[in-house]
Amino acid sequence: MIKHLQKIGNSRGVVIDKPVLDLLNINDDTALEITQKDGGIFLKPISAMDAYSKIAKKHRKSLDKLAK
C-alpha cells in the first residue's frame, strides 16, 4: 500500500484506511507510540496503562516526590 502525505492544517498526515484500523483494533481513542525504525517510522497502539508504565519507569523519583 502506497500513501502520500496530506496537508492537515499547518501539518502533514497520512490517512490510514478503516479496514487497516479495524484489523489492528485502533479507534479514535487509541494512543499510538511513534518510533523510528530501519529508516522509517513505526506506529504501535498502546494502552493508557502501557504509556503510564513507561513514564513511571523513566520518572520514578519525580513521581515519588510529587506524591509526598
PDB file of N, CA and C in Angstrom:
ATOM      1  N   MET A   1       0.846  -1.170   0.000  1.00  0.00           N
ATOM      2  CA  MET A   1       0.000   0.000   0.000  1.00  0.00           C
ATOM      3  C   MET A   1       0.890   1.232   0.000  1.00  0.00           C
ATOM      4  N   ILE A   2       0.661   2.119  -0.918  1.00  0.00           N
ATOM      5  CA  ILE A   2       1.426   3.353  -1.010  1.00  0.00           C
ATOM      6  C   ILE A   2       0.506   4.508  -0.648  1.00  0.00           C
ATOM      7  N   LYS A   3       0.980   5.376   0.236  1.00  0.00           N
ATOM      8  CA  LYS A   3       0.226   6.547   0.672  1.00  0.00           C
ATOM      9  C   LYS A   3       1.082   7.784   0.476  1.00  0.00           C
ATOM     10  N   HIS A   4       0.432   8.924   0.349  1.00  0.00           N
ATOM     11  CA  HIS A   4       1.122  10.206   0.248  1.00  0.00           C
ATOM     12  C   HIS A   4       0.694  11.081   1.411  1.00  0.00           C
ATOM     13  N   LEU A   5       1.572  11.992   1.809  1.00  0.00           N
ATOM     14  CA  LEU A   5       1.229  12.935   2.860  1.00  0.00           C
ATOM     15  C   LEU A   5       0.128  13.866   2.376  1.00  0.00           C
ATOM     16  N   GLN A   6      -0.775  14.197   3.298  1.00  0.00           N
ATOM     17  CA  GLN A   6      -1.833  15.146   3.003  1.00  0.00           C
ATOM     18  C   GLN A   6      -1.710  16.316   3.958  1.00  0.00           C
ATOM     19  N   LYS A   7      -2.028  17.496   3.468  1.00  0.00           N
ATOM     20  CA  LYS A   7      -1.971  18.685   4.310  1.00  0.00           C
ATOM     21  C   LYS A   7      -3.161  18.659   5.269  1.00  0.00           C
ATOM     22  N   ILE A   8      -2.860  18.826   6.557  1.00  0.00           N
ATOM     23  CA  ILE A   8      -3.881  18.890   7.598  1.00  0.00           C
ATOM     24  C   ILE A   8      -3.550  20.121   8.431  1.00  0.00           C
ATOM     25  N   GLY A   9      -4.205  21.236   8.148  1.00  0.00           N
ATOM     26  CA  GLY A   9      -3.861  22.496   8.803  1.00  0.00           C
ATOM     27  C   GLY A   9      -2.456  22.897   8.406  1.00  0.00           C
ATOM     28  N   ASN A  10      -1.594  23.163   9.402  1.00  0.00           N
ATOM     29  CA  ASN A  10      -0.195  23.500   9.131  1.00  0.00           C
ATOM     30  C   ASN A  10       0.711  22.270   9.191  1.00  0.00           C
ATOM     31  N   SER A  11       0.116  21.097   9.332  1.00  0.00           N
ATOM     32  CA  SER A  11       0.870  19.852   9.451  1.00  0.00           C
ATOM     33  C   SER A  11       0.646  18.977   8.235  1.00  0.00           C
ATOM     34  N   ARG A  12       1.243  17.813   8.253  1.00  0.00           N
ATOM     35  CA  ARG A  12       1.046  16.813   7.213  1.00  0.00           C
ATOM     36  C   ARG A  12       0.685  15.502   7.896  1.00  0.00           C
ATOM     37  N   GLY A  13      -0.116  14.690   7.231  1.00  0.00           N
ATOM     38  CA  GLY A  13      -0.527  13.424   7.812  1.00  0.00           C
ATOM     39  C   GLY A  13      -0.752  12.371   6.755  1.00  0.00           C
ATOM     40  N   VAL A  14      -0.841  11.151   7.219  1.00  0.00           N
ATOM     41  CA  VAL A  14      -1.151  10.021   6.351  1.00  0.00           C
ATOM     42  C   VAL A  14      -2.487   9.457   6.837  1.00  0.00           C
ATOM     43  N   VAL A  15      -3.419   9.298   5.923  1.00  0.00           N
ATOM     44  CA  VAL A  15      -4.719   8.736   6.269  1.00  0.00           C
ATOM     45  C   VAL A  15      -4.603   7.214   6.222  1.00  0.00           C
ATOM     46  N   ILE A  16      -4.999   6.578   7.325  1.00  0.00           N
ATOM     47  CA  ILE A  16      -4.970   5.117   7.402  1.00  0.00           C
ATOM     48  C   ILE A  16      -6.388   4.616   7.125  1.00  0.00           C
ATOM     49  N   ASP A  17      -6.531   3.729   6.169  1.00  0.00           N
ATOM     50  CA  ASP A  17      -7.844   3.228   5.762  1.00  0.00           C
ATOM     51  C   ASP A  17      -8.535   2.466   6.891  1.00  0.00           C
ATOM     52  N   LYS A  18      -9.858   2.564   6.941  1.00  0.00           N
ATOM     53  CA  LYS A  18     -10.650   1.953   8.006  1.00  0.00           C
ATOM     54  C   LYS A  18     -10.422   0.443   8.139  1.00  0.00           C
ATOM     55  N   PRO A  19     -10.317  -0.325   7.049  1.00  0.00           N
ATOM     56  CA  PRO A  19     -10.068  -1.768   7.219  1.00  0.00           C
ATOM     57  C   PRO A  19      -8.763  -2.070   7.963  1.00  0.00           C
ATOM     58  N   VAL A  20      -7.746  -1.243   7.748  1.00  0.00           N
ATOM     59  CA  VAL A  20      -6.472  -1.429   8.455  1.00  0.00           C
ATOM     60  C   VAL A  20      -6.652  -1.100   9.938  1.00  0.00           C
ATOM     61  N   LEU A  21      -7.359  -0.008  10.216  1.00  0.00           N
ATOM     62  CA  LEU A  21      -7.629   0.368  11.612  1.00  0.00           C
ATOM     63  C   LEU A  21      -8.437  -0.713  12.315  1.00  0.00           C
ATOM     64  N   ASP A  22      -9.439  -1.250  11.638  1.00  0.00           N
ATOM     65  CA  ASP A  22     -10.259  -2.318  12.219  1.00  0.00           C
ATOM     66  C   ASP A  22      -9.426  -3.564  12.491  1.00  0.00           C
ATOM     67  N   LEU A  23      -8.557  -3.903  11.565  1.00  0.00           N
ATOM     68  CA  LEU A  23      -7.691  -5.085  11.716  1.00  0.00           C
ATOM     69  C   LEU A  23      -6.820  -4.970  12.966  1.00  0.00           C
ATOM     70  N   LEU A  24      -6.342  -3.753  13.251  1.00  0.00           N
ATOM     71  CA  LEU A  24      -5.451  -3.517  14.391  1.00  0.00           C
ATOM     72  C   LEU A  24      -6.191  -3.056  15.643  1.00  0.00           C
ATOM     73  N   ASN A  25      -7.527  -3.036  15.579  1.00  0.00           N
ATOM     74  CA  ASN A  25      -8.354  -2.584  16.712  1.00  0.00           C
ATOM     75  C   ASN A  25      -7.980  -1.180  17.164  1.00  0.00           C
ATOM     76  N   ILE A  26      -7.782  -0.285  16.213  1.00  0.00           N
ATOM     77  CA  ILE A  26      -7.448   1.106  16.508  1.00  0.00           C
ATOM     78  C   ILE A  26      -8.697   1.952  16.267  1.00  0.00           C
ATOM     79  N   ASN A  27      -9.035   2.778  17.267  1.00  0.00           N
ATOM     80  CA  ASN A  27     -10.162   3.692  17.105  1.00  0.00           C
ATOM     81  C   ASN A  27      -9.701   5.107  17.452  1.00  0.00           C
ATOM     82  N   ASP A  28     -10.641   6.042  17.510  1.00  0.00           N
ATOM     83  CA  ASP A  28     -10.289   7.444  17.761  1.00  0.00           C
ATOM     84  C   ASP A  28      -9.650   7.668  19.128  1.00  0.00           C
ATOM     85  N   ASP A  29      -9.882   6.767  20.080  1.00  0.00           N
ATOM     86  CA  ASP A  29      -9.353   6.929  21.435  1.00  0.00           C
ATOM     87  C   ASP A  29      -8.040   6.187  21.664  1.00  0.00           C
ATOM     88  N   THR A  30      -7.554   5.466  20.669  1.00  0.00           N
ATOM     89  CA  THR A  30      -6.341   4.671  20.817  1.00  0.00           C
ATOM     90  C   THR A  30      -5.098   5.563  20.768  1.00  0.00           C
ATOM     91  N   ALA A  31      -4.233   5.425  21.762  1.00  0.00           N
ATOM     92  CA  ALA A  31      -2.948   6.132  21.757  1.00  0.00           C
ATOM     93  C   ALA A  31      -1.976   5.334  20.891  1.00  0.00           C
ATOM     94  N   LEU A  32      -1.163   6.045  20.131  1.00  0.00           N
ATOM     95  CA  LEU A  32      -0.173   5.400  19.273  1.00  0.00           C
ATOM     96  C   LEU A  32       1.221   5.862  19.660  1.00  0.00           C
ATOM     97  N   GLU A  33       2.109   4.917  19.829  1.00  0.00           N
ATOM     98  CA  GLU A  33       3.515   5.226  20.072  1.00  0.00           C
ATOM     99  C   GLU A  33       4.199   5.284  18.707  1.00  0.00           C
ATOM    100  N   ILE A  34       4.931   6.362  18.448  1.00  0.00           N
ATOM    101  CA  ILE A  34       5.624   6.535  17.176  1.00  0.00           C
ATOM    102  C   ILE A  34       7.122   6.456  17.432  1.00  0.00           C
ATOM    103  N   THR A  35       7.794   5.519  16.773  1.00  0.00           N
ATOM    104  CA  THR A  35       9.237   5.374  16.921  1.00  0.00           C
ATOM    105  C   THR A  35       9.874   5.287  15.533  1.00  0.00           C
ATOM    106  N   GLN A  36      11.172   5.585  15.494  1.00  0.00           N
ATOM    107  CA  GLN A  36      11.928   5.469  14.248  1.00  0.00           C
ATOM    108  C   GLN A  36      12.521   4.075  14.196  1.00  0.00           C
ATOM    109  N   LYS A  37      12.414   3.432  13.051  1.00  0.00           N
ATOM    110  CA  LYS A  37      12.937   2.076  12.921  1.00  0.00           C
ATOM    111  C   LYS A  37      13.361   1.828  11.476  1.00  0.00           C
ATOM    112  N   ASP A  38      14.583   1.382  11.284  1.00  0.00           N
ATOM    113  CA  ASP A  38      15.094   0.996   9.968  1.00  0.00           C
ATOM    114  C   ASP A  38      14.842   2.052   8.889  1.00  0.00           C
ATOM    115  N   GLY A  39      15.099   3.313   9.210  1.00  0.00           N
ATOM    116  CA  GLY A  39      14.956   4.384   8.241  1.00  0.00           C
ATOM    117  C   GLY A  39      13.525   4.811   7.980  1.00  0.00           C
ATOM    118  N   GLY A  40      12.582   4.338   8.796  1.00  0.00           N
ATOM    119  CA  GLY A  40      11.182   4.710   8.625  1.00  0.00           C
ATOM    120  C   GLY A  40      10.546   4.964   9.978  1.00  0.00           C
ATOM    121  N   ILE A  41       9.226   5.003  10.006  1.00  0.00           N
ATOM    122  CA  ILE A  41       8.535   5.175  11.280  1.00  0.00           C
ATOM    123  C   ILE A  41       7.689   3.938  11.562  1.00  0.00           C
ATOM    124  N   PHE A  42       7.474   3.686  12.832  1.00  0.00           N
ATOM    125  CA  PHE A  42       6.723   2.532  13.285  1.00  0.00           C
ATOM    126  C   PHE A  42       5.640   3.039  14.233  1.00  0.00           C
ATOM    127  N   LEU A  43       4.380   2.740  13.935  1.00  0.00           N
ATOM    128  CA  LEU A  43       3.259   3.118  14.782  1.00  0.00           C
ATOM    129  C   LEU A  43       2.782   1.890  15.540  1.00  0.00           C
ATOM    130  N   LYS A  44       2.641   2.033  16.850  1.00  0.00           N
ATOM    131  CA  LYS A  44       2.218   0.897  17.670  1.00  0.00           C
ATOM    132  C   LYS A  44       1.115   1.359  18.622  1.00  0.00           C
ATOM    133  N   PRO A  45      -0.046   0.702  18.582  1.00  0.00           N
ATOM    134  CA  PRO A  45      -1.099   1.059  19.531  1.00  0.00           C
ATOM    135  C   PRO A  45      -0.657   0.715  20.950  1.00  0.00           C
ATOM    136  N   ILE A  46      -0.920   1.627  21.882  1.00  0.00           N
ATOM    137  CA  ILE A  46      -0.599   1.353  23.278  1.00  0.00           C
ATOM    138  C   ILE A  46      -1.796   1.728  24.140  1.00  0.00           C
ATOM    139  N   SER A  47      -1.901   1.054  25.266  1.00  0.00           N
ATOM    140  CA  SER A  47      -2.972   1.376  26.204  1.00  0.00           C
ATOM    141  C   SER A  47      -2.492   2.476  27.137  1.00  0.00           C
ATOM    142  N   ALA A  48      -3.409   3.078  27.839  1.00  0.00           N
ATOM    143  CA  ALA A  48      -3.046   4.120  28.812  1.00  0.00           C
ATOM    144  C   ALA A  48      -2.119   3.537  29.869  1.00  0.00           C
ATOM    145  N   MET A  49      -2.349   2.294  30.253  1.00  0.00           N
ATOM    146  CA  MET A  49      -1.508   1.659  31.270  1.00  0.00           C
ATOM    147  C   MET A  49      -0.076   1.463  30.756  1.00  0.00           C
ATOM    148  N   ASP A  50       0.072   1.077  29.500  1.00  0.00           N
ATOM    149  CA  ASP A  50       1.409   0.939  28.900  1.00  0.00           C
ATOM    150  C   ASP A  50       2.135   2.277  28.904  1.00  0.00           C
ATOM    151  N   ALA A  51       1.420   3.329  28.519  1.00  0.00           N
ATOM    152  CA  ALA A  51       2.013   4.662  28.486  1.00  0.00           C
ATOM    153  C   ALA A  51       2.438   5.092  29.884  1.00  0.00           C
ATOM    154  N   TYR A  52       1.570   4.865  30.878  1.00  0.00           N
ATOM    155  CA  TYR A  52       1.913   5.231  32.254  1.00  0.00           C
ATOM    156  C   TYR A  52       3.130   4.451  32.735  1.00  0.00           C
ATOM    157  N   SER A  53       3.195   3.169  32.428  1.00  0.00           N
ATOM    158  CA  SER A  53       4.322   2.333  32.867  1.00  0.00           C
ATOM    159  C   SER A  53       5.649   2.865  32.339  1.00  0.00           C
ATOM    160  N   LYS A  54       5.670   3.286  31.083  1.00  0.00           N
ATOM    161  CA  LYS A  54       6.908   3.830  30.502  1.00  0.00           C
ATOM    162  C   LYS A  54       7.313   5.123  31.200  1.00  0.00           C
ATOM    163  N   ILE A  55       6.344   6.004  31.423  1.00  0.00           N
ATOM    164  CA  ILE A  55       6.629   7.278  32.087  1.00  0.00           C
ATOM    165  C   ILE A  55       7.043   7.033  33.529  1.00  0.00           C
ATOM    166  N   ALA A  56       6.361   6.124  34.210  1.00  0.00           N
ATOM    167  CA  ALA A  56       6.655   5.847  35.617  1.00  0.00           C
ATOM    168  C   ALA A  56       8.086   5.322  35.792  1.00  0.00           C
ATOM    169  N   LYS A  57       8.518   4.454  34.897  1.00  0.00           N
ATOM    170  CA  LYS A  57       9.891   3.935  34.982  1.00  0.00           C
ATOM    171  C   LYS A  57      10.908   5.049  34.794  1.00  0.00           C
ATOM    172  N   LYS A  58      10.654   5.897  33.811  1.00  0.00           N
ATOM    173  CA  LYS A  58      11.608   6.949  33.468  1.00  0.00           C
ATOM    174  C   LYS A  58      11.663   8.050  34.530  1.00  0.00           C
ATOM    175  N   HIS A  59      10.531   8.350  35.158  1.00  0.00           N
ATOM    176  CA  HIS A  59      10.444   9.485  36.076  1.00  0.00           C
ATOM    177  C   HIS A  59      10.032   9.061  37.488  1.00  0.00           C
ATOM    178  N   ARG A  60      10.456   7.880  37.906  1.00  0.00           N
ATOM    179  CA  ARG A  60      10.060   7.327  39.200  1.00  0.00           C
ATOM    180  C   ARG A  60      10.369   8.290  40.359  1.00  0.00           C
ATOM    181  N   LYS A  61      11.578   8.838  40.401  1.00  0.00           N
ATOM    182  CA  LYS A  61      11.962   9.715  41.516  1.00  0.00           C
ATOM    183  C   LYS A  61      11.086  10.964  41.562  1.00  0.00           C
ATOM    184  N   SER A  62      10.838  11.565  40.410  1.00  0.00           N
ATOM    185  CA  SER A  62       9.996  12.764  40.364  1.00  0.00           C
ATOM    186  C   SER A  62       8.574  12.454  40.805  1.00  0.00           C
ATOM    187  N   LEU A  63       8.035  11.321  40.383  1.00  0.00           N
ATOM    188  CA  LEU A  63       6.681  10.951  40.784  1.00  0.00           C
ATOM    189  C   LEU A  63       6.588  10.685  42.282  1.00  0.00           C
ATOM    190  N   ASP A  64       7.632  10.078  42.848  1.00  0.00           N
ATOM    191  CA  ASP A  64       7.652   9.845  44.291  1.00  0.00           C
ATOM    192  C   ASP A  64       7.670  11.177  45.056  1.00  0.00           C
ATOM    193  N   LYS A  65       8.441  12.141  44.566  1.00  0.00           N
ATOM    194  CA  LYS A  65       8.478  13.454  45.216  1.00  0.00           C
ATOM    195  C   LYS A  65       7.132  14.152  45.140  1.00  0.00           C
ATOM    196  N   LEU A  66       6.461  14.049  44.006  1.00  0.00           N
ATOM    197  CA  LEU A  66       5.150  14.659  43.854  1.00  0.00           C
ATOM    198  C   LEU A  66       4.102  14.028  44.773  1.00  0.00           C
ATOM    199  N   ALA A  67       4.277  12.762  45.062  1.00  0.00           N
ATOM    200  CA  ALA A  67       3.314  12.052  45.901  1.00  0.00           C
ATOM    201  C   ALA A  67       3.394  12.485  47.365  1.00  0.00           C
ATOM    202  N   LYS A  68       4.514  13.082  47.767  1.00  0.00           N
ATOM    203  CA  LYS A  68       4.688  13.477  49.172  1.00  0.00           C
ATOM    204  C   LYS A  68       3.920  14.714  49.517  1.00  0.00           C
TER     205      LYS A  68
END
